[in-house]
Amino acid sequence: MKNPALPLCLGLLALLPARAQNAAPAPAPAPPKSWIDPDTGHRVIRLSDDPGTASLYFNDNGYTPDGKEMIFTRTSDGAIGVIDLRTYRNRIVVPGPVRAICVGHKTNTVFYLKGGGFRSAAPAELWSTNLDTGESRKLATLPPRASVDTVNADETAAAGTYTVGEMPGRGAGRRGRGGPAAPEPAAPPQGT
């Protein structure tokens, strides 16, 4: 004898795969806070849960003189933050958008640029912020097309670049991109 519930059960089973395909995928698990790199045997520690955080490049000092804190940048808004390397707590010290240069070698001060830069006709400003007090100071207004890339070890001088002539990507003939329109070419000479 046939079971009258069998077609109903088979129909419900047929719907299950379709329903599973429409379900939202499970979120990926968070990466571990620390792990041992299998190639080097070194312990690796993830310092931030914020996506888009980055440390400074290896030749730009990102550590405070006492080695207890490290600055980081955040790509989402261009802010500068600091991580306490004893507790791994972090906080934003300079709201973005800014460009971090380095941490001073003598004081707990981060140096950075606001606005401008070598790709802009607007002047950039060199600023510093004390990581302990949060006090910020404008140090200099740079000429247009200038940038600062480093601060010396005793924090008394800054060095960078200055672009002479037309800026790359902003030359003549590019209306709306910073340069004047290119002059019309001269007409070829008519007959001789």
Protein backbone atom coordinates (compact mmCIF):
# COMPACT_ATOMS: atom_id res chain seq x y z
CA MET A 1 0.00 0.00 0.00
CA LYS A 2 1.19 3.46 -0.85
CA ASN A 3 1.95 5.95 1.90
CA PRO A 4 -0.08 9.16 1.21
CA ALA A 5 2.48 11.32 3.10
CA LEU A 6 5.39 10.23 0.87
CA PRO A 7 4.74 12.73 -1.99
CA LEU A 8 4.42 15.54 0.58
CA CYS A 9 7.71 14.57 2.27
CA LEU A 10 9.51 14.31 -1.07
CA GLY A 11 8.18 17.75 -2.07
CA LEU A 12 9.45 19.30 1.17
CA LEU A 13 12.85 17.64 0.72
CA ALA A 14 13.06 19.07 -2.80
CA LEU A 15 12.61 22.59 -1.36
CA LEU A 16 15.44 22.27 1.18
CA PRO A 17 18.39 22.70 -1.22
CA ALA A 18 16.77 25.78 -2.80
CA ARG A 19 16.17 27.29 0.62
CA ALA A 20 19.77 26.58 1.66
CA GLN A 21 21.09 28.34 -1.47
CA ASN A 22 19.16 31.52 -0.60
CA ALA A 23 20.39 31.62 3.00
CA ALA A 24 22.96 34.26 3.85
CA PRO A 25 26.48 32.87 4.10
CA ALA A 26 27.87 32.56 7.58
CA PRO A 27 30.33 35.34 8.45
CA ALA A 28 33.97 34.35 8.22
CA PRO A 29 35.53 33.71 11.60
CA ALA A 30 37.82 36.45 12.89
CA PRO A 31 41.50 35.68 12.45
CA PRO A 32 43.30 34.63 15.61
CA LYS A 33 44.85 37.27 17.91
CA SER A 34 48.22 35.49 17.78
CA TRP A 35 49.79 32.51 16.05
CA ILE A 36 53.17 30.95 15.31
CA ASP A 37 54.39 31.47 11.75
CA PRO A 38 55.15 27.97 10.43
CA ASP A 39 58.03 29.16 8.21
CA THR A 40 59.93 31.25 10.77
CA GLY A 41 58.72 29.94 14.10
CA HIS A 42 58.08 33.54 15.21
CA ARG A 43 55.01 34.51 17.18
CA VAL A 44 52.76 36.92 15.24
CA ILE A 45 50.34 39.19 17.12
CA ARG A 46 47.41 40.95 15.45
CA LEU A 47 47.38 44.39 17.08
CA SER A 48 44.09 45.78 15.78
CA ASP A 49 40.63 44.52 14.90
CA ASP A 50 39.97 47.61 12.73
CA PRO A 51 40.03 46.76 9.02
CA GLY A 52 42.42 48.95 7.04
CA THR A 53 44.92 49.70 9.80
CA ALA A 54 48.58 49.75 8.82
CA SER A 55 51.91 50.40 10.46
CA LEU A 56 54.49 52.76 8.98
CA TYR A 57 57.02 51.43 6.49
CA PHE A 58 60.07 49.88 8.19
CA ASN A 59 62.35 52.89 7.64
CA ASP A 60 59.84 55.41 9.10
CA ASN A 61 59.94 55.40 12.89
CA GLY A 62 56.53 54.45 14.25
CA TYR A 63 57.59 53.76 17.86
CA THR A 64 57.71 56.14 20.82
CA PRO A 65 61.17 56.72 22.34
CA ASP A 66 60.37 54.43 25.29
CA GLY A 67 59.13 51.67 22.95
CA LYS A 68 55.79 51.36 24.77
CA GLU A 69 53.57 52.65 21.95
CA MET A 70 53.38 52.46 18.16
CA ILE A 71 51.40 54.63 15.76
CA PHE A 72 49.26 53.27 12.94
CA THR A 73 47.25 54.74 10.09
CA ARG A 74 43.69 53.96 9.12
CA THR A 75 42.87 53.79 5.41
CA SER A 76 39.13 54.36 5.86
CA ASP A 77 39.55 58.00 6.96
CA GLY A 78 43.29 58.72 6.94
CA ALA A 79 43.48 59.06 10.72
CA ILE A 80 46.52 58.35 12.91
CA GLY A 81 46.11 56.14 15.96
CA VAL A 82 48.39 54.81 18.66
CA ILE A 83 48.59 51.29 20.12
CA ASP A 84 49.80 50.65 23.67
CA LEU A 85 52.07 47.65 23.12
CA ARG A 86 51.61 46.44 26.73
CA THR A 87 47.79 46.25 26.64
CA TYR A 88 47.11 46.34 22.86
CA ARG A 89 44.51 49.08 23.41
CA ASN A 90 44.40 51.66 20.67
CA ARG A 91 43.01 55.14 20.25
CA ILE A 92 42.86 57.74 17.49
CA VAL A 93 45.12 60.72 18.20
CA VAL A 94 44.83 62.67 14.92
CA PRO A 95 41.59 62.63 12.93
CA GLY A 96 42.06 62.30 9.18
CA PRO A 97 42.68 62.87 6.46
CA VAL A 98 46.39 63.36 7.19
CA ARG A 99 49.65 61.69 6.09
CA ALA A 100 51.84 60.32 8.88
CA ILE A 101 55.57 61.01 8.61
CA CYS A 102 57.09 59.54 11.78
CA VAL A 103 57.25 59.56 15.57
CA GLY A 104 60.01 61.71 17.05
CA HIS A 105 63.08 60.03 18.52
CA LYS A 106 63.21 62.38 21.55
CA THR A 107 59.57 63.04 22.43
CA ASN A 108 56.25 61.20 22.17
CA THR A 109 55.30 63.34 19.17
CA VAL A 110 53.87 62.26 15.83
CA PHE A 111 54.70 64.43 12.80
CA TYR A 112 52.29 64.56 9.85
CA LEU A 113 51.04 66.58 6.87
CA LYS A 114 47.59 68.07 6.39
CA GLY A 115 46.29 68.96 2.94
CA GLY A 116 48.29 69.76 -0.18
CA GLY A 117 51.23 67.61 -1.09
CA PHE A 118 53.28 67.34 -4.25
CA ARG A 119 50.30 66.32 -6.38
CA SER A 120 48.31 69.35 -5.33
CA ALA A 121 48.61 73.05 -6.16
CA ALA A 122 47.43 73.77 -2.59
CA PRO A 123 50.12 74.07 0.10
CA ALA A 124 50.50 71.33 2.69
CA GLU A 125 50.96 72.05 6.38
CA LEU A 126 53.43 70.29 8.68
CA TRP A 127 51.89 69.48 12.08
CA SER A 128 52.86 67.65 15.26
CA THR A 129 50.74 66.10 18.00
CA ASN A 130 51.94 65.00 21.43
CA LEU A 131 50.77 61.39 21.93
CA ASP A 132 50.43 61.83 25.71
CA THR A 133 48.54 65.14 25.89
CA GLY A 134 46.90 65.27 22.45
CA GLU A 135 48.19 68.85 22.00
CA SER A 136 48.63 69.68 18.30
CA ARG A 137 50.80 72.40 16.77
CA LYS A 138 51.08 73.72 13.23
CA LEU A 139 54.83 73.86 12.51
CA ALA A 140 54.97 75.21 8.96
CA THR A 141 53.07 75.89 5.77
CA LEU A 142 54.96 74.36 2.86
CA PRO A 143 55.15 75.94 -0.58
CA PRO A 144 52.85 74.45 -3.23
CA ARG A 145 54.24 71.20 -4.71
CA ALA A 146 56.36 70.50 -1.62
CA SER A 147 56.22 67.56 0.76
CA VAL A 148 58.02 66.50 3.96
CA ASP A 149 59.16 62.90 4.22
CA THR A 150 61.24 62.77 7.41
CA VAL A 151 62.15 64.55 10.63
CA ASN A 152 65.69 64.36 12.03
CA ALA A 153 66.59 62.51 15.24
CA ASP A 154 66.60 65.59 17.50
CA GLU A 155 63.30 66.84 15.98
CA THR A 156 64.76 70.21 14.88
CA ALA A 157 64.62 69.82 11.09
CA ALA A 158 62.41 68.25 8.45
CA ALA A 159 63.39 67.16 4.94
CA GLY A 160 61.38 66.39 1.85
CA THR A 161 60.91 67.19 -1.80
CA TYR A 162 59.88 70.10 -3.98
CA THR A 163 58.68 69.62 -7.56
CA VAL A 164 60.07 72.20 -9.99
CA GLY A 165 58.12 72.95 -13.17
CA GLU A 166 54.96 71.18 -14.22
CA MET A 167 53.66 68.61 -11.80
CA PRO A 168 53.17 65.07 -13.14
CA GLY A 169 49.59 64.64 -14.30
CA ARG A 170 48.86 68.36 -14.02
CA GLY A 171 50.61 69.75 -17.08
CA ALA A 172 49.25 72.07 -19.73
CA GLY A 173 46.37 70.84 -21.81
CA ARG A 174 44.49 69.09 -19.06
CA ARG A 175 41.56 71.36 -18.36
CA GLY A 176 40.11 70.97 -14.89
CA ARG A 177 43.16 69.11 -13.61
CA GLY A 178 45.26 71.97 -12.29
CA GLY A 179 47.04 73.29 -15.37
CA PRO A 180 46.13 75.89 -17.95
CA ALA A 181 44.72 74.81 -21.26
CA ALA A 182 47.32 74.17 -23.94
CA PRO A 183 47.56 76.93 -26.54
CA GLU A 184 46.12 76.16 -29.94
CA PRO A 185 48.80 74.93 -32.35
CA ALA A 186 50.00 77.46 -34.87
CA ALA A 187 48.54 77.09 -38.34
CA PRO A 188 50.93 75.56 -40.89
CA PRO A 189 52.46 78.07 -43.26
CA GLN A 190 50.42 78.68 -46.45
CA GLY A 191 52.21 78.11 -49.76
CA THR A 192 55.59 79.53 -50.64
